[in-house]
Amino acid sequence: MAKRFTESDKWKDKWFRRLPSAEKLAYLYLLDCCDMAGTIELDEDLAEFSMGCPTDWDGLLMGSEGRLVLLPCGRIWVTKFIAFQNGQLSEKCNAHLAIIKLVERFAIPIDEGYLKGTGRVQVPLAKGPGNGNGNGNGNGNGNGNLGECEGDFPKSGFLSDPEFVAVWEAFLASSRVNHNWRIAGATAEAWLYELQNLGLDGAKAAVRFSTAAGAKKPITNGDHSRPKFKNESGKPKMKIIGEDYRD
């Protein structure tokens, strides 16, 4: 029987507190029944039989604010699970090897910073502008600045707010996976500068909206109420990472 850490303060978290009872139970079910990497191939019939009640799984995913995402393989991923249960992963730790294999197997978009010392996941530093002189024999002297790699995000006044940090990190993860790209520090800095004009509450709303919409960059103009992605039945459409909203 697997034993796991639990965050007792989740009962004070506004997002969790506002969930309907069935969705609270569903979220706890996912935390208990996911694998070591935080993924689960959801059997809705088994889950609802175990919980003793039906659940709006689409609604839970759509309203999770990045806590849950649906991977291309069809598995649900609890995005903060690995970091909370294991901290930084390392190939030098035997207990982490099985988790790293799951990350690779299911193409989990984990931040490279959590994979310390693994040769299979590397983030090269971009070269910045610099000057160098060579003598023609392969030896040379020069100096230049290393650019920022993905994850080295600039500090902002908003980043001192835990709630903003949570929605910001969820958006960055969504943007990386949906659009298959790396976000440079300078890009993130420009986005944060744009968001400053909205104020803290407006920035949170814009970032949440952008995550739900699967946007590549924060949507800073227009109405930031929850996107109304509906199918013919009137239910929210489920977001598949890397794909469009679909039934």
C-alpha atoms as a PDB file:
ATOM      1  CA  MET A   1       0.000   0.000   0.000  1.00  0.00           C
ATOM      2  CA  ALA A   2       1.481   3.336  -1.108  1.00  0.00           C
ATOM      3  CA  LYS A   3       2.011   5.997   1.550  1.00  0.00           C
ATOM      4  CA  ARG A   4       2.117   9.622   0.431  1.00  0.00           C
ATOM      5  CA  PHE A   5       2.534  13.087   1.861  1.00  0.00           C
ATOM      6  CA  THR A   6      -0.626  15.163   2.079  1.00  0.00           C
ATOM      7  CA  GLU A   7      -1.111  18.927   2.185  1.00  0.00           C
ATOM      8  CA  SER A   8      -3.393  19.477   5.173  1.00  0.00           C
ATOM      9  CA  ASP A   9      -3.751  23.172   4.294  1.00  0.00           C
ATOM     10  CA  LYS A  10      -5.667  22.331   1.120  1.00  0.00           C
ATOM     11  CA  TRP A  11      -8.845  22.717   3.177  1.00  0.00           C
ATOM     12  CA  LYS A  12      -7.942  26.404   3.519  1.00  0.00           C
ATOM     13  CA  ASP A  13      -7.260  26.835  -0.190  1.00  0.00           C
ATOM     14  CA  LYS A  14      -9.980  28.919  -1.859  1.00  0.00           C
ATOM     15  CA  TRP A  15     -10.018  26.826  -5.026  1.00  0.00           C
ATOM     16  CA  PHE A  16     -10.436  23.537  -3.163  1.00  0.00           C
ATOM     17  CA  ARG A  17     -12.861  25.002  -0.654  1.00  0.00           C
ATOM     18  CA  ARG A  18     -15.215  26.204  -3.378  1.00  0.00           C
ATOM     19  CA  LEU A  19     -15.404  22.856  -5.176  1.00  0.00           C
ATOM     20  CA  PRO A  20     -18.708  20.978  -4.997  1.00  0.00           C
ATOM     21  CA  SER A  21     -18.499  18.007  -2.617  1.00  0.00           C
ATOM     22  CA  ALA A  22     -18.361  15.462  -5.444  1.00  0.00           C
ATOM     23  CA  GLU A  23     -15.478  17.278  -7.126  1.00  0.00           C
ATOM     24  CA  LYS A  24     -13.575  17.557  -3.831  1.00  0.00           C
ATOM     25  CA  LEU A  25     -13.867  13.801  -3.487  1.00  0.00           C
ATOM     26  CA  ALA A  26     -12.854  13.312  -7.114  1.00  0.00           C
ATOM     27  CA  TYR A  27      -9.733  15.436  -6.634  1.00  0.00           C
ATOM     28  CA  LEU A  28      -8.753  13.441  -3.543  1.00  0.00           C
ATOM     29  CA  TYR A  29      -9.369  10.240  -5.518  1.00  0.00           C
ATOM     30  CA  LEU A  30      -6.908  11.400  -8.194  1.00  0.00           C
ATOM     31  CA  LEU A  31      -4.280  12.258  -5.547  1.00  0.00           C
ATOM     32  CA  ASP A  32      -4.592   8.817  -3.963  1.00  0.00           C
ATOM     33  CA  CYS A  33      -4.882   6.704  -7.124  1.00  0.00           C
ATOM     34  CA  CYS A  34      -2.384   8.331  -9.487  1.00  0.00           C
ATOM     35  CA  ASP A  35       1.005   6.732 -10.166  1.00  0.00           C
ATOM     36  CA  MET A  36       4.383   7.922  -8.853  1.00  0.00           C
ATOM     37  CA  ALA A  37       4.528  10.657 -11.496  1.00  0.00           C
ATOM     38  CA  GLY A  38       1.052  11.943 -10.676  1.00  0.00           C
ATOM     39  CA  THR A  39      -0.700  10.467 -13.733  1.00  0.00           C
ATOM     40  CA  ILE A  40      -3.746   8.254 -13.931  1.00  0.00           C
ATOM     41  CA  GLU A  41      -5.685   6.583 -16.732  1.00  0.00           C
ATOM     42  CA  LEU A  42      -9.081   7.494 -15.392  1.00  0.00           C
ATOM     43  CA  ASP A  43     -11.771   4.815 -15.317  1.00  0.00           C
ATOM     44  CA  GLU A  44     -14.773   7.009 -14.560  1.00  0.00           C
ATOM     45  CA  ASP A  45     -17.063   4.061 -13.765  1.00  0.00           C
ATOM     46  CA  LEU A  46     -14.606   2.599 -11.243  1.00  0.00           C
ATOM     47  CA  ALA A  47     -13.868   6.019  -9.743  1.00  0.00           C
ATOM     48  CA  GLU A  48     -17.537   6.903  -9.265  1.00  0.00           C
ATOM     49  CA  PHE A  49     -18.278   3.433  -7.883  1.00  0.00           C
ATOM     50  CA  SER A  50     -15.440   3.865  -5.375  1.00  0.00           C
ATOM     51  CA  MET A  51     -16.559   7.383  -4.412  1.00  0.00           C
ATOM     52  CA  GLY A  52     -20.233   6.486  -4.319  1.00  0.00           C
ATOM     53  CA  CYS A  53     -21.345   9.460  -6.418  1.00  0.00           C
ATOM     54  CA  PRO A  54     -21.227  10.764 -10.002  1.00  0.00           C
ATOM     55  CA  THR A  55     -18.787  13.584 -10.823  1.00  0.00           C
ATOM     56  CA  ASP A  56     -18.412  16.234 -13.513  1.00  0.00           C
ATOM     57  CA  TRP A  57     -14.880  15.256 -14.566  1.00  0.00           C
ATOM     58  CA  ASP A  58     -14.825  17.734 -17.449  1.00  0.00           C
ATOM     59  CA  GLY A  59     -15.801  20.535 -15.088  1.00  0.00           C
ATOM     60  CA  LEU A  60     -13.110  19.529 -12.587  1.00  0.00           C
ATOM     61  CA  LEU A  61     -10.414  19.564 -15.284  1.00  0.00           C
ATOM     62  CA  MET A  62     -11.564  22.822 -16.860  1.00  0.00           C
ATOM     63  CA  GLY A  63     -11.777  24.592 -13.525  1.00  0.00           C
ATOM     64  CA  SER A  64      -8.571  23.196 -12.022  1.00  0.00           C
ATOM     65  CA  GLU A  65      -6.515  26.315 -12.877  1.00  0.00           C
ATOM     66  CA  GLY A  66      -3.631  24.165 -14.066  1.00  0.00           C
ATOM     67  CA  ARG A  67      -3.664  21.701 -11.175  1.00  0.00           C
ATOM     68  CA  LEU A  68      -4.849  18.976 -13.544  1.00  0.00           C
ATOM     69  CA  VAL A  69      -4.101  18.574 -17.247  1.00  0.00           C
ATOM     70  CA  LEU A  70      -4.983  15.892 -19.772  1.00  0.00           C
ATOM     71  CA  LEU A  71      -1.870  14.594 -21.499  1.00  0.00           C
ATOM     72  CA  PRO A  72      -1.812  13.597 -25.204  1.00  0.00           C
ATOM     73  CA  CYS A  73      -1.740   9.925 -24.138  1.00  0.00           C
ATOM     74  CA  GLY A  74      -5.116  10.420 -22.450  1.00  0.00           C
ATOM     75  CA  ARG A  75      -3.895  10.250 -18.861  1.00  0.00           C
ATOM     76  CA  ILE A  76      -4.736  12.943 -16.320  1.00  0.00           C
ATOM     77  CA  TRP A  77      -1.668  14.530 -14.712  1.00  0.00           C
ATOM     78  CA  VAL A  78      -1.637  16.173 -11.273  1.00  0.00           C
ATOM     79  CA  THR A  79       0.862  18.909 -12.122  1.00  0.00           C
ATOM     80  CA  LYS A  80       2.244  19.598  -8.631  1.00  0.00           C
ATOM     81  CA  PHE A  81       2.450  15.952  -7.553  1.00  0.00           C
ATOM     82  CA  ILE A  82       6.095  15.202  -8.384  1.00  0.00           C
ATOM     83  CA  ALA A  83       7.455  18.400  -6.851  1.00  0.00           C
ATOM     84  CA  PHE A  84       5.369  17.995  -3.691  1.00  0.00           C
ATOM     85  CA  GLN A  85       6.100  14.295  -3.126  1.00  0.00           C
ATOM     86  CA  ASN A  86       9.736  14.132  -4.269  1.00  0.00           C
ATOM     87  CA  GLY A  87      11.194  17.605  -4.701  1.00  0.00           C
ATOM     88  CA  GLN A  88      13.972  17.683  -7.291  1.00  0.00           C
ATOM     89  CA  LEU A  89      14.412  14.441  -9.222  1.00  0.00           C
ATOM     90  CA  SER A  90      17.872  12.994  -9.769  1.00  0.00           C
ATOM     91  CA  GLU A  91      19.160   9.945 -11.645  1.00  0.00           C
ATOM     92  CA  LYS A  92      21.601   9.481  -8.770  1.00  0.00           C
ATOM     93  CA  CYS A  93      18.663   8.600  -6.524  1.00  0.00           C
ATOM     94  CA  ASN A  94      17.427   5.052  -7.180  1.00  0.00           C
ATOM     95  CA  ALA A  95      13.994   5.905  -5.810  1.00  0.00           C
ATOM     96  CA  HIS A  96      13.579   8.531  -8.549  1.00  0.00           C
ATOM     97  CA  LEU A  97      14.514   6.344 -11.537  1.00  0.00           C
ATOM     98  CA  ALA A  98      11.052   4.830 -11.924  1.00  0.00           C
ATOM     99  CA  ILE A  99       9.481   8.305 -11.784  1.00  0.00           C
ATOM    100  CA  ILE A 100      11.864   9.628 -14.447  1.00  0.00           C
ATOM    101  CA  LYS A 101      10.918   6.699 -16.694  1.00  0.00           C
ATOM    102  CA  LEU A 102       7.240   7.569 -16.304  1.00  0.00           C
ATOM    103  CA  VAL A 103       7.987  11.222 -17.115  1.00  0.00           C
ATOM    104  CA  GLU A 104       9.623  10.111 -20.361  1.00  0.00           C
ATOM    105  CA  ARG A 105       7.064   7.428 -21.181  1.00  0.00           C
ATOM    106  CA  PHE A 106       4.061   9.727 -20.920  1.00  0.00           C
ATOM    107  CA  ALA A 107       5.877  12.857 -22.202  1.00  0.00           C
ATOM    108  CA  ILE A 108       5.047  14.733 -19.001  1.00  0.00           C
ATOM    109  CA  PRO A 109       5.903  18.445 -19.418  1.00  0.00           C
ATOM    110  CA  ILE A 110       7.816  18.689 -16.166  1.00  0.00           C
ATOM    111  CA  ASP A 111      10.052  21.727 -15.590  1.00  0.00           C
ATOM    112  CA  GLU A 112      13.642  20.753 -16.349  1.00  0.00           C
ATOM    113  CA  GLY A 113      14.689  22.205 -13.001  1.00  0.00           C
ATOM    114  CA  TYR A 114      13.108  19.205 -11.291  1.00  0.00           C
ATOM    115  CA  LEU A 115      15.353  16.804 -13.227  1.00  0.00           C
ATOM    116  CA  LYS A 116      18.744  17.435 -11.667  1.00  0.00           C
ATOM    117  CA  GLY A 117      21.680  15.620 -13.175  1.00  0.00           C
ATOM    118  CA  THR A 118      19.775  13.690 -15.835  1.00  0.00           C
ATOM    119  CA  GLY A 119      21.541  13.463 -19.154  1.00  0.00           C
ATOM    120  CA  ARG A 120      18.333  12.811 -21.065  1.00  0.00           C
ATOM    121  CA  VAL A 121      16.756  16.161 -20.196  1.00  0.00           C
ATOM    122  CA  GLN A 122      19.020  19.100 -20.792  1.00  0.00           C
ATOM    123  CA  VAL A 123      18.346  22.823 -21.185  1.00  0.00           C
ATOM    124  CA  PRO A 124      21.208  24.556 -23.005  1.00  0.00           C
ATOM    125  CA  LEU A 125      21.938  28.170 -22.183  1.00  0.00           C
ATOM    126  CA  ALA A 126      21.491  30.542 -25.090  1.00  0.00           C
ATOM    127  CA  LYS A 127      24.509  32.650 -26.005  1.00  0.00           C
ATOM    128  CA  GLY A 128      24.113  36.356 -25.577  1.00  0.00           C
ATOM    129  CA  PRO A 129      25.919  39.123 -27.430  1.00  0.00           C
ATOM    130  CA  GLY A 130      29.660  39.169 -26.914  1.00  0.00           C
ATOM    131  CA  ASN A 131      33.022  39.872 -28.534  1.00  0.00           C
ATOM    132  CA  GLY A 132      35.796  37.379 -29.094  1.00  0.00           C
ATOM    133  CA  ASN A 133      39.126  37.230 -30.888  1.00  0.00           C
ATOM    134  CA  GLY A 134      40.778  34.068 -32.152  1.00  0.00           C
ATOM    135  CA  ASN A 135      44.346  33.553 -33.325  1.00  0.00           C
ATOM    136  CA  GLY A 136      43.428  31.074 -36.029  1.00  0.00           C
ATOM    137  CA  ASN A 137      44.745  27.957 -34.306  1.00  0.00           C
ATOM    138  CA  GLY A 138      41.592  27.080 -32.456  1.00  0.00           C
ATOM    139  CA  ASN A 139      42.428  29.057 -29.341  1.00  0.00           C
ATOM    140  CA  GLY A 140      40.836  32.363 -28.635  1.00  0.00           C
ATOM    141  CA  ASN A 141      39.843  34.733 -25.910  1.00  0.00           C
ATOM    142  CA  GLY A 142      36.493  36.409 -25.675  1.00  0.00           C
ATOM    143  CA  ASN A 143      33.780  37.372 -23.335  1.00  0.00           C
ATOM    144  CA  GLY A 144      30.055  37.281 -23.673  1.00  0.00           C
ATOM    145  CA  ASN A 145      27.032  36.914 -21.485  1.00  0.00           C
ATOM    146  CA  LEU A 146      25.028  33.764 -21.205  1.00  0.00           C
ATOM    147  CA  GLY A 147      21.370  34.273 -21.927  1.00  0.00           C
ATOM    148  CA  GLU A 148      18.585  33.112 -19.678  1.00  0.00           C
ATOM    149  CA  CYS A 149      17.389  29.564 -19.935  1.00  0.00           C
ATOM    150  CA  GLU A 150      13.801  28.470 -19.551  1.00  0.00           C
ATOM    151  CA  GLY A 151      12.712  28.739 -15.926  1.00  0.00           C
ATOM    152  CA  ASP A 152      14.976  31.652 -14.990  1.00  0.00           C
ATOM    153  CA  PHE A 153      12.093  34.075 -14.753  1.00  0.00           C
ATOM    154  CA  PRO A 154      12.581  37.665 -13.606  1.00  0.00           C
ATOM    155  CA  LYS A 155      11.278  38.906 -10.314  1.00  0.00           C
ATOM    156  CA  SER A 156       8.075  40.893 -10.294  1.00  0.00           C
ATOM    157  CA  GLY A 157       5.944  42.452  -7.599  1.00  0.00           C
ATOM    158  CA  PHE A 158       3.205  39.991  -8.557  1.00  0.00           C
ATOM    159  CA  LEU A 159       5.528  37.059  -7.855  1.00  0.00           C
ATOM    160  CA  SER A 160       5.376  37.801  -4.147  1.00  0.00           C
ATOM    161  CA  ASP A 161       1.682  36.831  -4.208  1.00  0.00           C
ATOM    162  CA  PRO A 162       1.327  33.018  -3.772  1.00  0.00           C
ATOM    163  CA  GLU A 163      -2.004  32.894  -5.601  1.00  0.00           C
ATOM    164  CA  PHE A 164      -0.592  34.745  -8.618  1.00  0.00           C
ATOM    165  CA  VAL A 165       2.486  32.502  -8.637  1.00  0.00           C
ATOM    166  CA  ALA A 166       0.235  29.408  -8.768  1.00  0.00           C
ATOM    167  CA  VAL A 167      -1.823  30.635 -11.718  1.00  0.00           C
ATOM    168  CA  TRP A 168       1.296  32.016 -13.467  1.00  0.00           C
ATOM    169  CA  GLU A 169       3.160  28.704 -13.227  1.00  0.00           C
ATOM    170  CA  ALA A 170       0.071  26.860 -14.492  1.00  0.00           C
ATOM    171  CA  PHE A 171      -0.107  29.180 -17.501  1.00  0.00           C
ATOM    172  CA  LEU A 172       3.596  28.773 -18.313  1.00  0.00           C
ATOM    173  CA  ALA A 173       3.262  24.986 -18.216  1.00  0.00           C
ATOM    174  CA  SER A 174       0.175  25.148 -20.451  1.00  0.00           C
ATOM    175  CA  SER A 175       1.883  27.472 -22.937  1.00  0.00           C
ATOM    176  CA  ARG A 176       4.977  25.257 -23.172  1.00  0.00           C
ATOM    177  CA  VAL A 177       3.001  22.080 -23.805  1.00  0.00           C
ATOM    178  CA  ASN A 178       0.233  23.423 -26.032  1.00  0.00           C
ATOM    179  CA  HIS A 179       2.641  25.268 -28.303  1.00  0.00           C
ATOM    180  CA  ASN A 180       5.744  23.054 -27.947  1.00  0.00           C
ATOM    181  CA  TRP A 181       8.183  25.856 -27.237  1.00  0.00           C
ATOM    182  CA  ARG A 182      10.528  27.170 -24.592  1.00  0.00           C
ATOM    183  CA  ILE A 183       9.805  30.430 -22.843  1.00  0.00           C
ATOM    184  CA  ALA A 184      12.880  32.636 -22.458  1.00  0.00           C
ATOM    185  CA  GLY A 185      13.276  34.806 -19.401  1.00  0.00           C
ATOM    186  CA  ALA A 186      13.076  37.941 -21.528  1.00  0.00           C
ATOM    187  CA  THR A 187       9.739  36.774 -22.942  1.00  0.00           C
ATOM    188  CA  ALA A 188       8.315  36.127 -19.490  1.00  0.00           C
ATOM    189  CA  GLU A 189       9.595  39.521 -18.351  1.00  0.00           C
ATOM    190  CA  ALA A 190       7.750  41.239 -21.197  1.00  0.00           C
ATOM    191  CA  TRP A 191       4.540  39.387 -20.340  1.00  0.00           C
ATOM    192  CA  LEU A 192       4.787  40.338 -16.681  1.00  0.00           C
ATOM    193  CA  TYR A 193       5.406  43.960 -17.634  1.00  0.00           C
ATOM    194  CA  GLU A 194       2.212  43.884 -19.742  1.00  0.00           C
ATOM    195  CA  LEU A 195       0.225  42.336 -16.905  1.00  0.00           C
ATOM    196  CA  GLN A 196       1.321  45.071 -14.482  1.00  0.00           C
ATOM    197  CA  ASN A 197      -1.116  47.413 -16.229  1.00  0.00           C
ATOM    198  CA  LEU A 198      -4.057  45.243 -15.141  1.00  0.00           C
ATOM    199  CA  GLY A 199      -3.322  45.314 -11.415  1.00  0.00           C
ATOM    200  CA  LEU A 200      -2.945  42.161  -9.341  1.00  0.00           C
ATOM    201  CA  ASP A 201      -6.566  40.949  -9.506  1.00  0.00           C
ATOM    202  CA  GLY A 202      -6.847  41.776 -13.204  1.00  0.00           C
ATOM    203  CA  ALA A 203      -3.587  39.978 -13.916  1.00  0.00           C
ATOM    204  CA  LYS A 204      -4.791  36.847 -12.108  1.00  0.00           C
ATOM    205  CA  ALA A 205      -8.029  36.882 -14.110  1.00  0.00           C
ATOM    206  CA  ALA A 206      -6.141  37.373 -17.390  1.00  0.00           C
ATOM    207  CA  VAL A 207      -3.677  34.550 -16.667  1.00  0.00           C
ATOM    208  CA  ARG A 208      -6.457  32.147 -15.615  1.00  0.00           C
ATOM    209  CA  PHE A 209      -8.401  33.016 -18.759  1.00  0.00           C
ATOM    210  CA  SER A 210      -5.320  32.504 -20.943  1.00  0.00           C
ATOM    211  CA  THR A 211      -4.639  29.088 -19.390  1.00  0.00           C
ATOM    212  CA  ALA A 212      -8.217  27.922 -19.916  1.00  0.00           C
ATOM    213  CA  ALA A 213      -8.136  29.195 -23.509  1.00  0.00           C
ATOM    214  CA  GLY A 214      -4.860  27.372 -24.260  1.00  0.00           C
ATOM    215  CA  ALA A 215      -3.227  30.658 -25.289  1.00  0.00           C
ATOM    216  CA  LYS A 216       0.459  30.928 -26.178  1.00  0.00           C
ATOM    217  CA  LYS A 217       0.849  34.289 -24.406  1.00  0.00           C
ATOM    218  CA  PRO A 218      -1.264  36.059 -21.796  1.00  0.00           C
ATOM    219  CA  ILE A 219      -4.443  37.611 -23.184  1.00  0.00           C
ATOM    220  CA  THR A 220      -4.389  41.071 -21.664  1.00  0.00           C
ATOM    221  CA  ASN A 221      -7.340  42.674 -23.426  1.00  0.00           C
ATOM    222  CA  GLY A 222     -11.060  41.953 -23.520  1.00  0.00           C
ATOM    223  CA  ASP A 223     -13.330  40.099 -21.123  1.00  0.00           C
ATOM    224  CA  HIS A 224     -11.449  37.690 -18.848  1.00  0.00           C
ATOM    225  CA  SER A 225     -14.436  35.755 -17.595  1.00  0.00           C
ATOM    226  CA  ARG A 226     -14.225  31.981 -17.928  1.00  0.00           C
ATOM    227  CA  PRO A 227     -14.133  30.918 -21.641  1.00  0.00           C
ATOM    228  CA  LYS A 228     -17.410  29.365 -22.712  1.00  0.00           C
ATOM    229  CA  PHE A 229     -16.199  26.298 -24.609  1.00  0.00           C
ATOM    230  CA  LYS A 230     -19.336  24.206 -24.949  1.00  0.00           C
ATOM    231  CA  ASN A 231     -20.356  21.226 -26.995  1.00  0.00           C
ATOM    232  CA  GLU A 232     -23.840  20.507 -28.336  1.00  0.00           C
ATOM    233  CA  SER A 233     -24.927  18.982 -25.046  1.00  0.00           C
ATOM    234  CA  GLY A 234     -24.087  22.222 -23.250  1.00  0.00           C
ATOM    235  CA  LYS A 235     -21.271  20.634 -21.230  1.00  0.00           C
ATOM    236  CA  PRO A 236     -17.785  22.185 -21.107  1.00  0.00           C
ATOM    237  CA  LYS A 237     -15.422  20.676 -23.651  1.00  0.00           C
ATOM    238  CA  MET A 238     -12.426  18.878 -22.223  1.00  0.00           C
ATOM    239  CA  LYS A 239      -9.018  20.393 -22.833  1.00  0.00           C
ATOM    240  CA  ILE A 240      -6.475  18.036 -24.351  1.00  0.00           C
ATOM    241  CA  ILE A 241      -2.905  19.298 -23.992  1.00  0.00           C
ATOM    242  CA  GLY A 242      -1.514  19.881 -27.475  1.00  0.00           C
ATOM    243  CA  GLU A 243      -4.921  19.788 -29.166  1.00  0.00           C
ATOM    244  CA  ASP A 244      -7.954  21.997 -29.550  1.00  0.00           C
ATOM    245  CA  TYR A 245     -10.949  21.914 -27.262  1.00  0.00           C
ATOM    246  CA  ARG A 246     -13.056  18.972 -28.286  1.00  0.00           C
ATOM    247  CA  ASP A 247     -16.065  16.930 -27.218  1.00  0.00           C
END
